[in-house]
Amino acid sequence: MITEKDIPRIHNEALEQSKLATQKFLEDWRKKTGGNQYDEPMYCGFAWVSLHGVKGSTKIGKAFKNVGFDKGYPTGLRLWDPSNYRGQSMDVKEEGSRAYAEVLRKYGFKAYMGSRAD
């Protein structure tokens, strides 16, 4: 059973996977396209992880907040750009958020990638 003490470890694993997914996506994209002057796909936007079924007032919810999640809208918790990618490409940010959410799902959480264009 997952407890609040497991959340930092799970978060670190998910961050690592998020960064790896971002790096792999960019490497693949560069190989397939030859890149461009911006060195990233040119569709600007944002991406995040939505975590459902966890209330922020619970021990596990507070543990997620301690690692960077905040209140999601309309419900749940949310973590913006877990790969901490500093470009503008929504495609890249989506890959990182998707990988982070996959790790949370592996541990039984209901988590999804969300995004929107800028």
N, C-alpha and C. Protein backbone atom coordinates (compact mmCIF):
# COMPACT_ATOMS: atom_id res chain seq x y z
N MET A 1 0.83 -1.19 0.00
CA MET A 1 0.00 0.00 0.00
C MET A 1 0.88 1.26 0.00
N ILE A 2 0.54 2.19 -0.84
CA ILE A 2 1.28 3.45 -0.95
C ILE A 2 0.89 4.37 0.20
N THR A 3 1.90 4.96 0.85
CA THR A 3 1.64 5.94 1.91
C THR A 3 2.27 7.27 1.51
N GLU A 4 2.03 8.29 2.33
CA GLU A 4 2.59 9.61 2.05
C GLU A 4 4.12 9.60 2.03
N LYS A 5 4.72 8.64 2.72
CA LYS A 5 6.19 8.55 2.75
C LYS A 5 6.76 8.06 1.41
N ASP A 6 5.93 7.41 0.61
CA ASP A 6 6.36 6.91 -0.69
C ASP A 6 6.34 7.98 -1.78
N ILE A 7 5.60 9.05 -1.55
CA ILE A 7 5.39 10.05 -2.61
C ILE A 7 6.68 10.71 -3.09
N PRO A 8 7.61 11.13 -2.21
CA PRO A 8 8.85 11.72 -2.74
C PRO A 8 9.63 10.75 -3.65
N ARG A 9 9.68 9.50 -3.29
CA ARG A 9 10.38 8.50 -4.12
C ARG A 9 9.67 8.33 -5.47
N ILE A 10 8.35 8.22 -5.43
CA ILE A 10 7.58 8.09 -6.67
C ILE A 10 7.75 9.34 -7.53
N HIS A 11 7.70 10.49 -6.90
CA HIS A 11 7.87 11.76 -7.61
C HIS A 11 9.25 11.81 -8.30
N ASN A 12 10.29 11.42 -7.60
CA ASN A 12 11.63 11.44 -8.18
C ASN A 12 11.74 10.47 -9.36
N GLU A 13 11.14 9.30 -9.23
CA GLU A 13 11.12 8.35 -10.34
C GLU A 13 10.37 8.94 -11.54
N ALA A 14 9.24 9.57 -11.27
CA ALA A 14 8.44 10.16 -12.34
C ALA A 14 9.16 11.34 -12.99
N LEU A 15 9.86 12.15 -12.20
CA LEU A 15 10.65 13.25 -12.77
C LEU A 15 11.73 12.73 -13.69
N GLU A 16 12.41 11.68 -13.25
CA GLU A 16 13.47 11.09 -14.07
C GLU A 16 12.90 10.60 -15.40
N GLN A 17 11.78 9.89 -15.35
CA GLN A 17 11.16 9.38 -16.57
C GLN A 17 10.68 10.52 -17.47
N SER A 18 10.19 11.58 -16.85
CA SER A 18 9.73 12.75 -17.59
C SER A 18 10.88 13.40 -18.36
N LYS A 19 12.00 13.58 -17.69
CA LYS A 19 13.17 14.19 -18.34
C LYS A 19 13.72 13.28 -19.45
N LEU A 20 13.75 11.97 -19.19
CA LEU A 20 14.23 11.03 -20.21
C LEU A 20 13.31 11.04 -21.44
N ALA A 21 12.01 11.08 -21.21
CA ALA A 21 11.06 11.09 -22.31
C ALA A 21 11.21 12.36 -23.15
N THR A 22 11.42 13.48 -22.49
CA THR A 22 11.62 14.75 -23.19
C THR A 22 12.88 14.69 -24.05
N GLN A 23 13.95 14.20 -23.46
CA GLN A 23 15.22 14.10 -24.17
C GLN A 23 15.09 13.16 -25.37
N LYS A 24 14.47 12.00 -25.16
CA LYS A 24 14.31 11.02 -26.24
C LYS A 24 13.44 11.60 -27.36
N PHE A 25 12.35 12.29 -26.99
CA PHE A 25 11.48 12.88 -27.99
C PHE A 25 12.25 13.88 -28.86
N LEU A 26 13.03 14.75 -28.23
CA LEU A 26 13.79 15.75 -28.98
C LEU A 26 14.84 15.10 -29.88
N GLU A 27 15.52 14.08 -29.37
CA GLU A 27 16.52 13.38 -30.19
C GLU A 27 15.85 12.74 -31.41
N ASP A 28 14.72 12.06 -31.19
CA ASP A 28 14.00 11.44 -32.30
C ASP A 28 13.51 12.49 -33.30
N TRP A 29 12.97 13.57 -32.80
CA TRP A 29 12.46 14.64 -33.64
C TRP A 29 13.57 15.23 -34.50
N ARG A 30 14.72 15.47 -33.89
CA ARG A 30 15.86 16.03 -34.64
C ARG A 30 16.31 15.07 -35.75
N LYS A 31 16.36 13.77 -35.43
CA LYS A 31 16.76 12.76 -36.42
C LYS A 31 15.79 12.73 -37.59
N LYS A 32 14.50 12.76 -37.29
CA LYS A 32 13.48 12.63 -38.33
C LYS A 32 13.34 13.89 -39.17
N THR A 33 13.52 15.05 -38.56
CA THR A 33 13.24 16.31 -39.26
C THR A 33 14.48 17.10 -39.64
N GLY A 34 15.60 16.79 -39.01
CA GLY A 34 16.79 17.60 -39.24
C GLY A 34 16.82 18.85 -38.38
N GLY A 35 15.79 19.02 -37.56
CA GLY A 35 15.73 20.17 -36.67
C GLY A 35 15.29 21.44 -37.37
N ASN A 36 15.36 22.53 -36.65
CA ASN A 36 15.03 23.85 -37.20
C ASN A 36 15.82 24.90 -36.42
N GLN A 37 15.61 26.14 -36.72
CA GLN A 37 16.37 27.21 -36.07
C GLN A 37 16.08 27.33 -34.58
N TYR A 38 14.95 26.79 -34.13
CA TYR A 38 14.59 26.86 -32.71
C TYR A 38 14.96 25.60 -31.94
N ASP A 39 15.37 24.57 -32.67
CA ASP A 39 15.77 23.29 -32.09
C ASP A 39 14.66 22.59 -31.32
N GLU A 40 13.43 22.84 -31.75
CA GLU A 40 12.27 22.18 -31.16
C GLU A 40 11.08 22.31 -32.10
N PRO A 41 10.07 21.43 -31.98
CA PRO A 41 8.86 21.59 -32.78
C PRO A 41 8.22 22.95 -32.47
N MET A 42 7.67 23.57 -33.50
CA MET A 42 7.20 24.95 -33.35
C MET A 42 5.71 25.06 -33.06
N TYR A 43 5.21 24.31 -32.11
CA TYR A 43 3.82 24.46 -31.69
C TYR A 43 3.86 24.81 -30.21
N CYS A 44 3.68 26.08 -29.90
CA CYS A 44 3.86 26.57 -28.53
C CYS A 44 2.66 26.22 -27.65
N GLY A 45 2.96 25.90 -26.41
CA GLY A 45 1.89 25.62 -25.47
C GLY A 45 2.40 25.14 -24.14
N PHE A 46 1.48 24.62 -23.35
CA PHE A 46 1.75 24.20 -21.98
C PHE A 46 1.31 22.75 -21.80
N ALA A 47 1.89 22.09 -20.80
CA ALA A 47 1.46 20.73 -20.46
C ALA A 47 1.62 20.54 -18.96
N TRP A 48 0.82 19.63 -18.42
CA TRP A 48 0.81 19.38 -16.99
C TRP A 48 0.33 17.97 -16.72
N VAL A 49 0.42 17.57 -15.47
CA VAL A 49 -0.11 16.29 -15.02
C VAL A 49 -1.31 16.57 -14.13
N SER A 50 -2.42 15.94 -14.43
CA SER A 50 -3.61 16.03 -13.59
C SER A 50 -3.73 14.75 -12.78
N LEU A 51 -3.89 14.90 -11.48
CA LEU A 51 -4.01 13.77 -10.56
C LEU A 51 -5.40 13.80 -9.96
N HIS A 52 -6.17 12.77 -10.23
CA HIS A 52 -7.56 12.71 -9.77
C HIS A 52 -7.72 11.70 -8.65
N GLY A 53 -8.72 11.92 -7.81
CA GLY A 53 -9.01 10.99 -6.74
C GLY A 53 -8.14 11.17 -5.50
N VAL A 54 -7.35 12.22 -5.46
CA VAL A 54 -6.51 12.53 -4.29
C VAL A 54 -6.87 13.93 -3.83
N LYS A 55 -7.36 14.04 -2.62
CA LYS A 55 -7.70 15.35 -2.07
C LYS A 55 -6.47 15.97 -1.43
N GLY A 56 -6.30 17.25 -1.63
CA GLY A 56 -5.15 17.96 -1.10
C GLY A 56 -5.09 18.00 0.41
N SER A 57 -6.20 17.74 1.07
CA SER A 57 -6.24 17.80 2.53
C SER A 57 -5.84 16.48 3.20
N THR A 58 -5.64 15.42 2.40
CA THR A 58 -5.26 14.13 2.97
C THR A 58 -3.74 14.06 3.14
N LYS A 59 -3.27 13.06 3.85
CA LYS A 59 -1.82 12.90 4.02
C LYS A 59 -1.11 12.72 2.69
N ILE A 60 -1.68 11.89 1.82
CA ILE A 60 -1.07 11.68 0.51
C ILE A 60 -1.18 12.95 -0.32
N GLY A 61 -2.31 13.63 -0.25
CA GLY A 61 -2.47 14.89 -0.97
C GLY A 61 -1.46 15.93 -0.53
N LYS A 62 -1.23 16.03 0.76
CA LYS A 62 -0.24 16.98 1.28
C LYS A 62 1.17 16.59 0.83
N ALA A 63 1.44 15.29 0.75
CA ALA A 63 2.74 14.83 0.27
C ALA A 63 2.93 15.23 -1.20
N PHE A 64 1.88 15.11 -2.01
CA PHE A 64 1.98 15.55 -3.40
C PHE A 64 2.18 17.06 -3.48
N LYS A 65 1.51 17.80 -2.62
CA LYS A 65 1.71 19.25 -2.59
C LYS A 65 3.14 19.60 -2.20
N ASN A 66 3.71 18.83 -1.29
CA ASN A 66 5.09 19.08 -0.85
C ASN A 66 6.11 18.88 -1.97
N VAL A 67 5.77 18.08 -2.98
CA VAL A 67 6.70 17.88 -4.09
C VAL A 67 6.37 18.76 -5.29
N GLY A 68 5.37 19.65 -5.15
CA GLY A 68 5.12 20.63 -6.21
C GLY A 68 3.73 20.67 -6.81
N PHE A 69 2.86 19.75 -6.47
CA PHE A 69 1.50 19.80 -7.00
C PHE A 69 0.73 20.94 -6.35
N ASP A 70 -0.26 21.45 -7.08
CA ASP A 70 -1.17 22.44 -6.52
C ASP A 70 -2.59 22.03 -6.87
N LYS A 71 -3.55 22.84 -6.48
CA LYS A 71 -4.95 22.52 -6.73
C LYS A 71 -5.22 22.53 -8.22
N GLY A 72 -5.82 21.46 -8.70
CA GLY A 72 -6.23 21.38 -10.10
C GLY A 72 -7.63 21.94 -10.26
N TYR A 73 -7.98 22.29 -11.46
CA TYR A 73 -9.31 22.83 -11.71
C TYR A 73 -10.00 22.02 -12.77
N PRO A 74 -11.20 21.57 -12.57
CA PRO A 74 -12.06 21.90 -11.43
C PRO A 74 -11.79 21.05 -10.18
N THR A 75 -11.12 19.91 -10.33
CA THR A 75 -10.87 19.06 -9.16
C THR A 75 -9.47 18.47 -9.24
N GLY A 76 -9.10 17.77 -8.20
CA GLY A 76 -7.83 17.05 -8.18
C GLY A 76 -6.64 17.95 -7.92
N LEU A 77 -5.47 17.42 -8.27
CA LEU A 77 -4.21 18.14 -8.11
C LEU A 77 -3.53 18.24 -9.47
N ARG A 78 -2.60 19.19 -9.58
CA ARG A 78 -1.97 19.43 -10.87
C ARG A 78 -0.50 19.77 -10.67
N LEU A 79 0.35 19.28 -11.60
CA LEU A 79 1.77 19.60 -11.62
C LEU A 79 2.13 20.10 -13.01
N TRP A 80 2.56 21.34 -13.10
CA TRP A 80 2.94 21.94 -14.38
C TRP A 80 4.30 21.44 -14.83
N ASP A 81 4.42 21.13 -16.10
CA ASP A 81 5.67 20.83 -16.80
C ASP A 81 6.69 20.08 -15.94
N PRO A 82 6.41 18.81 -15.60
CA PRO A 82 7.30 18.08 -14.70
C PRO A 82 8.72 17.87 -15.26
N SER A 83 8.90 17.93 -16.57
CA SER A 83 10.24 17.77 -17.12
C SER A 83 11.07 19.05 -16.98
N ASN A 84 10.40 20.12 -16.59
CA ASN A 84 11.06 21.42 -16.41
C ASN A 84 11.74 21.87 -17.71
N TYR A 85 11.08 21.56 -18.83
CA TYR A 85 11.60 21.91 -20.14
C TYR A 85 11.47 23.42 -20.34
N ARG A 86 12.55 24.07 -20.72
CA ARG A 86 12.57 25.52 -20.81
C ARG A 86 12.30 26.07 -22.20
N GLY A 87 11.96 25.22 -23.13
CA GLY A 87 11.56 25.69 -24.45
C GLY A 87 10.08 26.03 -24.46
N GLN A 88 9.55 26.29 -25.65
CA GLN A 88 8.13 26.63 -25.77
C GLN A 88 7.29 25.53 -26.41
N SER A 89 7.91 24.48 -26.87
CA SER A 89 7.20 23.46 -27.62
C SER A 89 6.23 22.66 -26.76
N MET A 90 4.97 22.72 -27.12
CA MET A 90 3.95 21.94 -26.41
C MET A 90 4.18 20.45 -26.63
N ASP A 91 4.62 20.06 -27.81
CA ASP A 91 4.88 18.64 -28.10
C ASP A 91 5.87 18.05 -27.10
N VAL A 92 6.94 18.78 -26.83
CA VAL A 92 7.98 18.30 -25.92
C VAL A 92 7.42 18.23 -24.50
N LYS A 93 6.71 19.26 -24.09
CA LYS A 93 6.15 19.30 -22.72
C LYS A 93 5.11 18.20 -22.52
N GLU A 94 4.36 17.90 -23.57
CA GLU A 94 3.39 16.81 -23.47
C GLU A 94 4.08 15.47 -23.23
N GLU A 95 5.17 15.23 -23.91
CA GLU A 95 5.89 13.96 -23.71
C GLU A 95 6.36 13.81 -22.27
N GLY A 96 6.91 14.87 -21.70
CA GLY A 96 7.36 14.82 -20.31
C GLY A 96 6.21 14.60 -19.34
N SER A 97 5.10 15.28 -19.57
CA SER A 97 3.94 15.14 -18.69
C SER A 97 3.32 13.75 -18.82
N ARG A 98 3.28 13.24 -20.03
CA ARG A 98 2.73 11.90 -20.27
C ARG A 98 3.56 10.85 -19.53
N ALA A 99 4.88 10.97 -19.60
CA ALA A 99 5.76 10.00 -18.93
C ALA A 99 5.60 10.07 -17.41
N TYR A 100 5.46 11.28 -16.87
CA TYR A 100 5.27 11.43 -15.43
C TYR A 100 3.96 10.75 -15.02
N ALA A 101 2.89 11.01 -15.77
CA ALA A 101 1.58 10.42 -15.45
C ALA A 101 1.62 8.90 -15.53
N GLU A 102 2.39 8.36 -16.47
CA GLU A 102 2.50 6.90 -16.59
C GLU A 102 3.10 6.28 -15.33
N VAL A 103 4.08 6.93 -14.75
CA VAL A 103 4.67 6.43 -13.51
C VAL A 103 3.64 6.45 -12.39
N LEU A 104 2.88 7.52 -12.28
CA LEU A 104 1.84 7.57 -11.24
C LEU A 104 0.81 6.46 -11.44
N ARG A 105 0.42 6.22 -12.68
CA ARG A 105 -0.55 5.15 -12.95
C ARG A 105 0.01 3.79 -12.58
N LYS A 106 1.31 3.61 -12.78
CA LYS A 106 1.97 2.35 -12.41
C LYS A 106 1.78 2.07 -10.91
N TYR A 107 1.70 3.12 -10.12
CA TYR A 107 1.52 2.97 -8.68
C TYR A 107 0.05 3.05 -8.26
N GLY A 108 -0.85 3.02 -9.22
CA GLY A 108 -2.27 2.94 -8.91
C GLY A 108 -3.01 4.27 -8.84
N PHE A 109 -2.35 5.35 -9.19
CA PHE A 109 -3.01 6.66 -9.16
C PHE A 109 -3.70 6.92 -10.49
N LYS A 110 -4.73 7.71 -10.45
CA LYS A 110 -5.46 8.11 -11.65
C LYS A 110 -4.84 9.44 -12.12
N ALA A 111 -3.95 9.36 -13.10
CA ALA A 111 -3.20 10.54 -13.55
C ALA A 111 -3.18 10.61 -15.06
N TYR A 112 -3.24 11.83 -15.58
CA TYR A 112 -3.28 12.05 -17.02
C TYR A 112 -2.46 13.28 -17.39
N MET A 113 -2.01 13.30 -18.62
CA MET A 113 -1.37 14.49 -19.17
C MET A 113 -2.46 15.42 -19.67
N GLY A 114 -2.28 16.70 -19.44
CA GLY A 114 -3.17 17.71 -20.00
C GLY A 114 -2.33 18.75 -20.70
N SER A 115 -2.91 19.44 -21.68
CA SER A 115 -2.15 20.47 -22.39
C SER A 115 -3.09 21.47 -23.04
N ARG A 116 -2.51 22.60 -23.42
CA ARG A 116 -3.25 23.56 -24.22
C ARG A 116 -2.25 24.40 -25.01
N ALA A 117 -2.68 24.83 -26.18
CA ALA A 117 -1.83 25.67 -27.03
C ALA A 117 -1.77 27.07 -26.46
N ASP A 118 -0.68 27.74 -26.77
CA ASP A 118 -0.50 29.11 -26.31
C ASP A 118 -0.95 30.08 -27.39
